[in-house]
N, C-alpha and C. Protein backbone atom coordinates (compact mmCIF):
# COMPACT_ATOMS: atom_id res chain seq x y z
N MET A 1 82.33 108.28 88.76
CA MET A 1 82.25 107.13 89.65
C MET A 1 83.52 106.96 90.48
N ILE A 2 84.68 107.27 89.91
CA ILE A 2 85.93 107.19 90.66
C ILE A 2 86.13 108.53 91.36
N ALA A 3 86.35 108.48 92.69
CA ALA A 3 86.46 109.70 93.47
C ALA A 3 87.90 110.17 93.65
N ALA A 4 88.84 109.22 93.68
CA ALA A 4 90.22 109.61 93.98
C ALA A 4 91.19 108.48 93.63
N LEU A 5 92.42 108.87 93.51
CA LEU A 5 93.50 107.90 93.42
C LEU A 5 93.86 107.52 94.84
N GLY A 6 94.02 106.24 95.11
CA GLY A 6 94.33 105.79 96.46
C GLY A 6 95.74 106.16 96.89
N ALA A 7 95.95 106.10 98.18
CA ALA A 7 97.25 106.44 98.76
C ALA A 7 98.13 105.20 98.87
N ARG A 8 97.96 104.26 97.95
CA ARG A 8 98.69 103.01 98.01
C ARG A 8 99.08 102.57 96.62
N VAL A 9 100.28 102.04 96.48
CA VAL A 9 100.81 101.51 95.22
C VAL A 9 101.44 100.16 95.53
N HIS A 10 101.39 99.23 94.59
CA HIS A 10 102.00 97.91 94.76
C HIS A 10 102.99 97.71 93.61
N LEU A 11 104.22 97.33 93.94
CA LEU A 11 105.26 97.13 92.94
C LEU A 11 105.64 95.66 92.86
N LEU A 12 105.98 95.21 91.68
CA LEU A 12 106.56 93.88 91.48
C LEU A 12 108.03 94.08 91.13
N VAL A 13 108.90 93.48 91.93
CA VAL A 13 110.35 93.65 91.78
C VAL A 13 111.01 92.28 91.82
N ARG A 14 112.02 92.08 91.03
CA ARG A 14 112.74 90.80 91.03
C ARG A 14 113.49 90.63 92.36
N PRO A 15 113.52 89.40 92.89
CA PRO A 15 114.14 89.13 94.20
C PRO A 15 115.61 89.53 94.30
N VAL A 16 116.34 89.53 93.21
CA VAL A 16 117.76 89.89 93.24
C VAL A 16 117.96 91.32 93.75
N HIS A 17 116.92 92.16 93.67
CA HIS A 17 117.02 93.55 94.10
C HIS A 17 116.50 93.78 95.53
N ARG A 18 116.07 92.71 96.21
CA ARG A 18 115.47 92.86 97.53
C ARG A 18 116.40 93.56 98.53
N GLY A 19 117.65 93.13 98.63
CA GLY A 19 118.59 93.72 99.58
C GLY A 19 118.82 95.19 99.32
N ALA A 20 119.12 95.55 98.09
CA ALA A 20 119.39 96.95 97.74
C ALA A 20 118.13 97.80 97.92
N PHE A 21 116.98 97.24 97.59
CA PHE A 21 115.72 97.96 97.74
C PHE A 21 115.48 98.28 99.21
N THR A 22 115.70 97.28 100.06
CA THR A 22 115.50 97.46 101.50
C THR A 22 116.47 98.50 102.06
N VAL A 23 117.72 98.42 101.68
CA VAL A 23 118.72 99.38 102.15
C VAL A 23 118.34 100.80 101.72
N LEU A 24 117.91 100.97 100.48
CA LEU A 24 117.54 102.29 99.99
C LEU A 24 116.42 102.91 100.83
N PHE A 25 115.30 102.20 100.97
CA PHE A 25 114.15 102.79 101.62
C PHE A 25 114.22 102.76 103.15
N ARG A 26 114.79 101.71 103.73
CA ARG A 26 114.88 101.64 105.19
C ARG A 26 116.03 102.47 105.73
N ASP A 27 117.22 102.30 105.16
CA ASP A 27 118.42 102.92 105.71
C ASP A 27 118.68 104.31 105.15
N ALA A 28 118.71 104.44 103.83
CA ALA A 28 119.04 105.73 103.22
C ALA A 28 117.92 106.75 103.38
N LEU A 29 116.66 106.31 103.22
CA LEU A 29 115.53 107.25 103.26
C LEU A 29 114.75 107.20 104.58
N SER A 30 115.16 106.34 105.50
CA SER A 30 114.55 106.22 106.85
C SER A 30 113.04 105.99 106.82
N CYS A 31 112.57 105.18 105.89
CA CYS A 31 111.14 104.86 105.80
C CYS A 31 110.79 103.75 106.79
N ASP A 32 109.57 103.77 107.27
CA ASP A 32 109.05 102.69 108.10
C ASP A 32 108.77 101.51 107.19
N MET A 33 109.35 100.36 107.51
CA MET A 33 109.22 99.20 106.64
C MET A 33 108.95 97.97 107.49
N ARG A 34 107.99 97.15 107.03
CA ARG A 34 107.76 95.87 107.70
C ARG A 34 107.41 94.81 106.69
N GLU A 35 107.63 93.56 107.08
CA GLU A 35 107.34 92.44 106.20
C GLU A 35 105.95 91.90 106.51
N LEU A 36 105.23 91.54 105.46
CA LEU A 36 103.90 90.94 105.58
C LEU A 36 103.94 89.57 104.92
N ASP A 37 103.55 88.55 105.67
CA ASP A 37 103.59 87.18 105.14
C ASP A 37 102.20 86.77 104.67
N PHE A 38 102.06 86.62 103.36
CA PHE A 38 100.80 86.18 102.76
C PHE A 38 100.94 84.78 102.19
N GLY A 39 101.99 84.06 102.61
CA GLY A 39 102.19 82.71 102.11
C GLY A 39 102.86 82.65 100.75
N LEU A 40 103.41 83.75 100.29
CA LEU A 40 104.14 83.77 99.03
C LEU A 40 105.57 83.30 99.27
N LEU A 41 106.35 83.12 98.24
CA LEU A 41 107.72 82.66 98.37
C LEU A 41 108.53 83.59 99.28
N LEU A 42 108.38 84.88 99.11
CA LEU A 42 109.05 85.88 99.95
C LEU A 42 107.99 86.80 100.54
N PRO A 43 108.20 87.30 101.78
CA PRO A 43 107.23 88.25 102.34
C PRO A 43 107.16 89.53 101.51
N ILE A 44 106.02 90.16 101.55
CA ILE A 44 105.84 91.45 100.90
C ILE A 44 106.36 92.52 101.85
N LEU A 45 107.07 93.49 101.31
CA LEU A 45 107.53 94.63 102.12
C LEU A 45 106.48 95.73 102.04
N LEU A 46 106.11 96.27 103.18
CA LEU A 46 105.21 97.41 103.22
C LEU A 46 106.01 98.60 103.70
N VAL A 47 106.09 99.61 102.85
CA VAL A 47 106.80 100.85 103.17
C VAL A 47 105.73 101.90 103.42
N SER A 48 105.66 102.42 104.68
CA SER A 48 104.60 103.37 105.00
C SER A 48 105.16 104.71 105.45
N PHE A 49 104.29 105.70 105.34
CA PHE A 49 104.66 107.08 105.61
C PHE A 49 103.73 107.68 106.66
N PRO A 50 104.16 108.74 107.34
CA PRO A 50 103.37 109.33 108.43
C PRO A 50 101.95 109.77 108.03
N ASP A 51 101.74 110.10 106.76
CA ASP A 51 100.40 110.57 106.35
C ASP A 51 99.42 109.43 106.09
N GLY A 52 99.85 108.18 106.29
CA GLY A 52 98.98 107.03 106.08
C GLY A 52 99.12 106.40 104.70
N SER A 53 99.84 107.03 103.81
CA SER A 53 100.06 106.43 102.50
C SER A 53 101.14 105.35 102.62
N ALA A 54 101.19 104.49 101.63
CA ALA A 54 102.15 103.38 101.67
C ALA A 54 102.31 102.79 100.28
N PHE A 55 103.38 102.02 100.13
CA PHE A 55 103.48 101.18 98.95
C PHE A 55 104.00 99.83 99.39
N SER A 56 103.57 98.80 98.66
CA SER A 56 104.00 97.45 98.98
C SER A 56 104.84 96.92 97.83
N VAL A 57 105.75 96.02 98.17
CA VAL A 57 106.66 95.47 97.18
C VAL A 57 106.60 93.96 97.25
N GLU A 58 106.27 93.36 96.13
CA GLU A 58 106.24 91.91 96.01
C GLU A 58 107.45 91.49 95.20
N PHE A 59 108.23 90.57 95.74
CA PHE A 59 109.43 90.11 95.06
C PHE A 59 109.10 88.80 94.35
N ALA A 60 109.11 88.85 93.02
CA ALA A 60 108.71 87.70 92.21
C ALA A 60 109.70 87.51 91.07
N SER A 61 110.23 86.30 90.96
CA SER A 61 111.20 85.99 89.90
C SER A 61 110.58 86.04 88.52
N ASP A 62 109.39 85.50 88.39
CA ASP A 62 108.73 85.43 87.10
C ASP A 62 107.30 85.93 87.18
N PRO A 63 107.10 87.23 87.41
CA PRO A 63 105.72 87.71 87.44
C PRO A 63 105.11 87.57 86.05
N PRO A 64 103.83 87.21 85.99
CA PRO A 64 103.20 87.12 84.66
C PRO A 64 103.33 88.45 83.93
N GLU A 65 103.64 88.41 82.67
CA GLU A 65 103.84 89.62 81.88
C GLU A 65 102.65 90.57 82.00
N GLU A 66 101.44 90.00 82.02
CA GLU A 66 100.25 90.84 82.05
C GLU A 66 100.00 91.50 83.40
N SER A 67 100.76 91.11 84.43
CA SER A 67 100.53 91.74 85.74
C SER A 67 101.81 92.31 86.33
N SER A 68 102.83 92.48 85.51
CA SER A 68 104.07 93.05 86.05
C SER A 68 103.99 94.57 86.01
N GLY A 69 104.82 95.21 86.81
CA GLY A 69 104.84 96.67 86.86
C GLY A 69 104.24 97.19 88.14
N THR A 70 103.73 98.41 88.10
CA THR A 70 103.15 99.07 89.26
C THR A 70 101.65 98.85 89.29
N TRP A 71 101.13 98.48 90.45
CA TRP A 71 99.68 98.32 90.64
C TRP A 71 99.19 99.53 91.41
N ILE A 72 98.05 100.09 91.01
CA ILE A 72 97.51 101.28 91.68
C ILE A 72 96.11 100.99 92.21
N GLU A 73 95.57 101.93 92.96
CA GLU A 73 94.21 101.77 93.45
C GLU A 73 93.41 103.05 93.20
N PHE A 74 92.13 102.85 92.96
CA PHE A 74 91.19 103.94 92.81
C PHE A 74 90.18 103.87 93.95
N ARG A 75 89.68 105.02 94.38
CA ARG A 75 88.71 105.10 95.48
C ARG A 75 87.36 105.56 94.93
N THR A 76 86.31 104.99 95.50
CA THR A 76 84.95 105.35 95.11
C THR A 76 84.02 105.16 96.31
N ASP A 77 82.83 105.75 96.24
CA ASP A 77 81.86 105.52 97.31
C ASP A 77 80.87 104.42 96.93
N ASN A 78 81.10 103.75 95.78
CA ASN A 78 80.22 102.66 95.36
C ASN A 78 81.03 101.60 94.62
N VAL A 79 81.78 100.81 95.38
CA VAL A 79 82.64 99.78 94.79
C VAL A 79 81.87 98.80 93.91
N PRO A 80 80.75 98.23 94.38
CA PRO A 80 80.04 97.27 93.52
C PRO A 80 79.62 97.85 92.17
N ALA A 81 79.16 99.10 92.16
CA ALA A 81 78.73 99.71 90.90
C ALA A 81 79.91 99.90 89.94
N VAL A 82 81.05 100.34 90.46
CA VAL A 82 82.23 100.53 89.61
C VAL A 82 82.71 99.19 89.08
N GLN A 83 82.77 98.18 89.94
CA GLN A 83 83.20 96.86 89.49
C GLN A 83 82.25 96.30 88.44
N GLN A 84 80.95 96.52 88.61
CA GLN A 84 79.99 96.05 87.62
C GLN A 84 80.20 96.74 86.29
N LYS A 85 80.43 98.05 86.31
CA LYS A 85 80.69 98.79 85.07
C LYS A 85 81.95 98.25 84.38
N LEU A 86 82.98 97.96 85.16
CA LEU A 86 84.22 97.42 84.58
C LEU A 86 83.95 96.07 83.91
N ARG A 87 83.21 95.21 84.59
CA ARG A 87 82.91 93.89 84.03
C ARG A 87 82.05 94.01 82.77
N GLU A 88 81.08 94.92 82.80
CA GLU A 88 80.24 95.15 81.61
C GLU A 88 81.06 95.65 80.44
N ALA A 89 82.13 96.39 80.74
CA ALA A 89 83.01 96.91 79.68
C ALA A 89 84.01 95.86 79.21
N GLY A 90 83.97 94.67 79.80
CA GLY A 90 84.86 93.60 79.38
C GLY A 90 86.26 93.68 79.97
N VAL A 91 86.43 94.44 81.04
CA VAL A 91 87.75 94.57 81.67
C VAL A 91 88.04 93.28 82.44
N VAL A 92 89.20 92.71 82.20
CA VAL A 92 89.60 91.46 82.82
C VAL A 92 89.86 91.66 84.31
N SER A 93 89.32 90.75 85.14
CA SER A 93 89.59 90.81 86.58
C SER A 93 90.25 89.51 87.02
N PHE A 94 90.93 89.58 88.16
CA PHE A 94 91.59 88.40 88.71
C PHE A 94 91.80 88.60 90.19
N ARG A 95 92.20 87.54 90.87
CA ARG A 95 92.53 87.58 92.30
C ARG A 95 94.02 87.32 92.48
N HIS A 96 94.61 88.01 93.43
CA HIS A 96 96.01 87.79 93.81
C HIS A 96 95.98 86.90 95.05
N PRO A 97 96.87 85.89 95.13
CA PRO A 97 96.82 84.97 96.27
C PRO A 97 97.04 85.64 97.62
N GLY A 98 97.62 86.81 97.67
CA GLY A 98 97.87 87.49 98.93
C GLY A 98 96.83 88.54 99.29
N SER A 99 95.67 88.54 98.61
CA SER A 99 94.69 89.59 98.82
C SER A 99 93.27 89.06 98.63
N SER A 100 92.33 89.69 99.29
CA SER A 100 90.92 89.32 99.12
C SER A 100 90.21 90.24 98.13
N HIS A 101 90.93 91.17 97.52
CA HIS A 101 90.33 92.13 96.59
C HIS A 101 90.32 91.60 95.16
N ASP A 102 89.38 92.11 94.37
CA ASP A 102 89.39 91.88 92.93
C ASP A 102 90.32 92.91 92.31
N TYR A 103 91.13 92.46 91.38
CA TYR A 103 92.03 93.34 90.63
C TYR A 103 91.57 93.34 89.18
N PHE A 104 91.83 94.45 88.49
CA PHE A 104 91.43 94.60 87.10
C PHE A 104 92.64 94.96 86.27
N ARG A 105 92.60 94.59 85.01
CA ARG A 105 93.70 94.87 84.09
C ARG A 105 93.16 95.73 82.95
N ALA A 106 93.62 96.97 82.90
CA ALA A 106 93.19 97.89 81.85
C ALA A 106 93.86 97.52 80.53
N PRO A 107 93.31 97.97 79.41
CA PRO A 107 93.99 97.74 78.14
C PRO A 107 95.42 98.27 78.22
N GLY A 108 96.37 97.49 77.81
CA GLY A 108 97.77 97.86 77.91
C GLY A 108 98.45 97.22 79.11
N GLY A 109 97.65 96.63 80.03
CA GLY A 109 98.22 95.86 81.11
C GLY A 109 98.25 96.49 82.49
N GLN A 110 97.90 97.78 82.65
CA GLN A 110 97.95 98.41 83.97
C GLN A 110 96.98 97.71 84.92
N VAL A 111 97.48 97.29 86.08
CA VAL A 111 96.67 96.60 87.08
C VAL A 111 96.21 97.61 88.13
N PHE A 112 94.93 97.49 88.53
CA PHE A 112 94.39 98.36 89.57
C PHE A 112 93.31 97.64 90.33
N ARG A 113 93.01 98.16 91.52
CA ARG A 113 91.88 97.68 92.30
C ARG A 113 91.02 98.88 92.64
N VAL A 114 89.76 98.61 92.97
CA VAL A 114 88.81 99.66 93.31
C VAL A 114 88.41 99.45 94.77
N LEU A 115 88.62 100.48 95.59
CA LEU A 115 88.34 100.40 97.02
C LEU A 115 87.39 101.50 97.45
N ASP A 116 86.72 101.27 98.56
CA ASP A 116 85.86 102.30 99.15
C ASP A 116 86.71 103.47 99.61
N VAL A 117 86.17 104.66 99.55
CA VAL A 117 86.92 105.86 99.94
C VAL A 117 87.39 105.79 101.39
N GLY A 118 86.68 105.03 102.24
CA GLY A 118 87.06 104.92 103.64
C GLY A 118 87.92 103.72 103.99
N TYR A 119 88.34 102.94 102.99
CA TYR A 119 89.11 101.72 103.26
C TYR A 119 90.43 102.05 103.95
N ARG A 120 90.74 101.28 104.99
CA ARG A 120 92.03 101.35 105.68
C ARG A 120 92.57 99.94 105.77
N GLY A 121 93.78 99.73 105.39
CA GLY A 121 94.37 98.40 105.50
C GLY A 121 95.46 98.19 104.48
N PRO A 122 95.99 96.99 104.48
CA PRO A 122 97.09 96.71 103.54
C PRO A 122 96.60 96.58 102.11
């Protein structure tokens, strides 16, 4: 049912590291970086690459323990069917205030979302 790992990753990083993080990826590594305002305390940084892949960084002082770390995405050609299978398996889902997608938490805490293979966007 899962066709691929997505070309996008989401990181949760403490705000104290925002300046150094920005300097590393923007200045030292010359990555394309822009801020996205989703109404959170701090804008999310989107770091993108010429091949269309990207990662986003959310700066949060107190991220919930169950959703901290790296968030990944999986690609499929049937999102509703995969999401239904996850729910039937008892996998916990939730919404992030900066996104319209459903997110799931695997046993052990890994957060992921399921997207269509053709999805383009943040």
